[in-house]
């Protein structure tokens, strides 16, 4: 399984240097899933309300199916 990783919070646009214990979501359930990290759980929750409404810094498309952690 391959994971692509987005380390820029799509809510604030801030690049995250430390990912340990940061909230994230996993988009997709296939061999090419995308993990998106957030500065806070509040930002993750805002993103989950409308994933397509937030630009990803390094990836141009949203995968659709979302799992949050």
N, C-alpha and C. Protein backbone atom coordinates (compact mmCIF):
# COMPACT_ATOMS: atom_id res chain seq x y z
N UNK A 1 0.84 -1.17 0.00
CA UNK A 1 0.00 0.00 0.00
C UNK A 1 0.90 1.25 0.00
N UNK A 2 0.53 2.19 -0.82
CA UNK A 2 1.27 3.44 -0.92
C UNK A 2 0.45 4.57 -0.31
N UNK A 3 1.11 5.40 0.48
CA UNK A 3 0.45 6.56 1.05
C UNK A 3 1.13 7.82 0.53
N UNK A 4 0.32 8.77 0.09
CA UNK A 4 0.83 10.11 -0.19
C UNK A 4 0.55 10.92 1.07
N UNK A 5 1.43 11.85 1.41
CA UNK A 5 1.29 12.59 2.66
C UNK A 5 1.27 14.09 2.38
N UNK A 6 0.21 14.74 2.86
CA UNK A 6 0.08 16.19 2.77
C UNK A 6 0.42 16.76 4.15
N UNK A 7 1.51 17.53 4.23
CA UNK A 7 1.96 18.07 5.51
C UNK A 7 1.63 19.55 5.68
N UNK A 8 0.88 20.11 4.76
CA UNK A 8 0.42 21.49 4.88
C UNK A 8 -1.05 21.48 5.28
N UNK A 9 -1.36 22.08 6.41
CA UNK A 9 -2.74 22.13 6.89
C UNK A 9 -3.58 22.89 5.86
N UNK A 10 -4.60 22.25 5.26
CA UNK A 10 -5.39 22.93 4.23
C UNK A 10 -6.26 24.06 4.76
N UNK A 11 -6.43 24.16 6.06
CA UNK A 11 -7.23 25.24 6.64
C UNK A 11 -6.38 26.50 6.79
N UNK A 12 -5.17 26.35 7.36
CA UNK A 12 -4.32 27.51 7.65
C UNK A 12 -3.24 27.75 6.60
N UNK A 13 -2.90 26.71 5.83
CA UNK A 13 -1.83 26.83 4.86
C UNK A 13 -0.45 26.69 5.48
N UNK A 14 -0.39 26.38 6.77
CA UNK A 14 0.89 26.25 7.46
C UNK A 14 1.48 24.86 7.24
N UNK A 15 2.77 24.83 6.89
CA UNK A 15 3.50 23.58 6.72
C UNK A 15 3.89 23.05 8.10
N UNK A 16 3.59 21.78 8.34
CA UNK A 16 3.86 21.18 9.64
C UNK A 16 5.19 20.44 9.61
N UNK A 17 6.06 20.76 10.55
CA UNK A 17 7.37 20.11 10.64
C UNK A 17 7.32 18.84 11.48
N UNK A 18 6.45 18.84 12.47
CA UNK A 18 6.34 17.73 13.40
C UNK A 18 4.97 17.10 13.21
N UNK A 19 4.91 15.82 12.87
CA UNK A 19 3.64 15.16 12.58
C UNK A 19 3.17 14.24 13.70
N UNK A 20 4.05 13.90 14.61
CA UNK A 20 3.71 12.99 15.70
C UNK A 20 2.57 13.57 16.53
N UNK A 21 1.54 12.80 16.75
CA UNK A 21 0.37 13.17 17.55
C UNK A 21 -0.49 14.28 16.95
N UNK A 22 -0.26 14.63 15.68
CA UNK A 22 -1.09 15.63 15.03
C UNK A 22 -2.33 14.93 14.45
N UNK A 23 -3.50 15.60 14.47
CA UNK A 23 -4.70 15.00 13.87
C UNK A 23 -4.53 14.87 12.36
N UNK A 24 -5.19 13.87 11.79
CA UNK A 24 -5.09 13.64 10.35
C UNK A 24 -6.34 12.94 9.84
N UNK A 25 -6.48 12.93 8.53
CA UNK A 25 -7.50 12.13 7.85
C UNK A 25 -6.80 11.32 6.77
N UNK A 26 -7.42 10.20 6.42
CA UNK A 26 -6.93 9.39 5.32
C UNK A 26 -8.02 9.40 4.26
N UNK A 27 -7.68 9.88 3.08
CA UNK A 27 -8.64 9.90 1.97
C UNK A 27 -8.33 8.74 1.05
N UNK A 28 -9.35 7.96 0.75
CA UNK A 28 -9.20 6.82 -0.14
C UNK A 28 -9.01 5.54 0.64
N UNK A 29 -9.42 4.45 0.04
CA UNK A 29 -9.27 3.13 0.65
C UNK A 29 -8.58 2.18 -0.31
N UNK A 30 -7.81 2.71 -1.20
CA UNK A 30 -7.20 1.87 -2.22
C UNK A 30 -5.69 1.85 -2.06
N UNK A 31 -5.00 1.48 -3.09
CA UNK A 31 -3.54 1.38 -3.05
C UNK A 31 -2.84 2.73 -3.09
N UNK A 32 -3.58 3.82 -3.25
CA UNK A 32 -2.97 5.15 -3.35
C UNK A 32 -3.75 6.13 -2.47
N UNK A 33 -3.65 5.94 -1.16
CA UNK A 33 -4.37 6.79 -0.21
C UNK A 33 -3.58 8.05 0.11
N UNK A 34 -4.30 9.10 0.51
CA UNK A 34 -3.70 10.37 0.86
C UNK A 34 -3.93 10.64 2.34
N UNK A 35 -2.85 10.91 3.08
CA UNK A 35 -2.94 11.29 4.49
C UNK A 35 -2.75 12.79 4.57
N UNK A 36 -3.70 13.48 5.22
CA UNK A 36 -3.63 14.93 5.36
C UNK A 36 -3.52 15.25 6.85
N UNK A 37 -2.47 15.98 7.22
CA UNK A 37 -2.24 16.35 8.62
C UNK A 37 -2.75 17.77 8.89
N UNK A 38 -3.15 18.01 10.14
CA UNK A 38 -3.72 19.28 10.57
C UNK A 38 -3.04 19.79 11.83
N UNK A 39 -3.05 21.11 12.01
CA UNK A 39 -2.50 21.74 13.22
C UNK A 39 -3.34 21.43 14.45
N UNK A 40 -4.64 21.25 14.27
CA UNK A 40 -5.52 21.03 15.42
C UNK A 40 -6.71 20.17 15.01
N UNK A 41 -7.38 19.63 16.02
CA UNK A 41 -8.60 18.87 15.75
C UNK A 41 -9.70 19.77 15.20
N UNK A 42 -9.71 21.02 15.63
CA UNK A 42 -10.69 21.97 15.11
C UNK A 42 -10.51 22.15 13.60
N UNK A 43 -9.27 22.29 13.14
CA UNK A 43 -9.01 22.42 11.70
C UNK A 43 -9.43 21.15 10.96
N UNK A 44 -9.14 19.99 11.55
CA UNK A 44 -9.55 18.73 10.93
C UNK A 44 -11.06 18.68 10.79
N UNK A 45 -11.78 19.08 11.85
CA UNK A 45 -13.24 19.05 11.81
C UNK A 45 -13.80 20.01 10.76
N UNK A 46 -13.19 21.20 10.65
CA UNK A 46 -13.61 22.15 9.61
C UNK A 46 -13.40 21.56 8.23
N UNK A 47 -12.29 20.90 8.03
CA UNK A 47 -12.00 20.26 6.75
C UNK A 47 -13.03 19.18 6.44
N UNK A 48 -13.37 18.37 7.43
CA UNK A 48 -14.30 17.26 7.21
C UNK A 48 -15.71 17.73 6.86
N UNK A 49 -16.06 18.96 7.24
CA UNK A 49 -17.37 19.50 6.88
C UNK A 49 -17.50 19.69 5.37
N UNK A 50 -16.38 20.00 4.68
CA UNK A 50 -16.42 20.22 3.23
C UNK A 50 -15.01 20.04 2.66
N UNK A 51 -14.55 18.79 2.50
CA UNK A 51 -13.19 18.55 2.01
C UNK A 51 -12.88 19.22 0.68
N UNK A 52 -13.80 19.21 -0.25
CA UNK A 52 -13.54 19.79 -1.57
C UNK A 52 -13.43 21.31 -1.53
N UNK A 53 -13.85 21.93 -0.44
CA UNK A 53 -13.80 23.37 -0.32
C UNK A 53 -12.46 23.91 0.15
N UNK A 54 -11.50 23.02 0.38
CA UNK A 54 -10.19 23.42 0.89
C UNK A 54 -9.10 22.93 -0.04
N UNK A 55 -8.26 23.86 -0.47
CA UNK A 55 -7.18 23.55 -1.41
C UNK A 55 -6.07 22.77 -0.70
N UNK A 56 -5.61 21.72 -1.37
CA UNK A 56 -4.45 20.98 -0.88
C UNK A 56 -3.20 21.58 -1.49
N UNK A 57 -2.17 21.74 -0.71
CA UNK A 57 -0.93 22.37 -1.16
C UNK A 57 -0.20 21.53 -2.20
N UNK A 58 -0.10 20.23 -1.98
CA UNK A 58 0.74 19.39 -2.82
C UNK A 58 -0.02 18.43 -3.73
N UNK A 59 -1.33 18.34 -3.55
CA UNK A 59 -2.13 17.42 -4.37
C UNK A 59 -3.34 18.17 -4.90
N UNK A 60 -3.64 17.98 -6.15
CA UNK A 60 -4.70 18.74 -6.79
C UNK A 60 -6.09 18.17 -6.66
N UNK A 61 -6.21 16.95 -6.16
CA UNK A 61 -7.54 16.35 -6.11
C UNK A 61 -7.78 15.71 -4.75
N UNK A 62 -9.03 15.64 -4.39
CA UNK A 62 -9.46 14.95 -3.19
C UNK A 62 -9.91 13.56 -3.60
N UNK A 63 -9.65 12.59 -2.75
CA UNK A 63 -9.94 11.20 -3.08
C UNK A 63 -11.38 10.79 -2.81
N UNK A 64 -12.11 11.55 -2.03
CA UNK A 64 -13.51 11.23 -1.79
C UNK A 64 -13.76 10.58 -0.44
N UNK A 65 -13.44 9.31 -0.28
CA UNK A 65 -13.68 8.61 0.97
C UNK A 65 -12.70 9.10 2.02
N UNK A 66 -13.23 9.49 3.19
CA UNK A 66 -12.37 10.06 4.22
C UNK A 66 -12.52 9.29 5.54
N UNK A 67 -11.39 8.97 6.14
CA UNK A 67 -11.34 8.40 7.48
C UNK A 67 -10.61 9.40 8.35
N UNK A 68 -11.13 9.72 9.54
CA UNK A 68 -10.41 10.66 10.38
C UNK A 68 -9.79 9.95 11.57
N UNK A 69 -8.71 10.53 12.06
CA UNK A 69 -7.98 9.97 13.21
C UNK A 69 -7.68 11.06 14.19
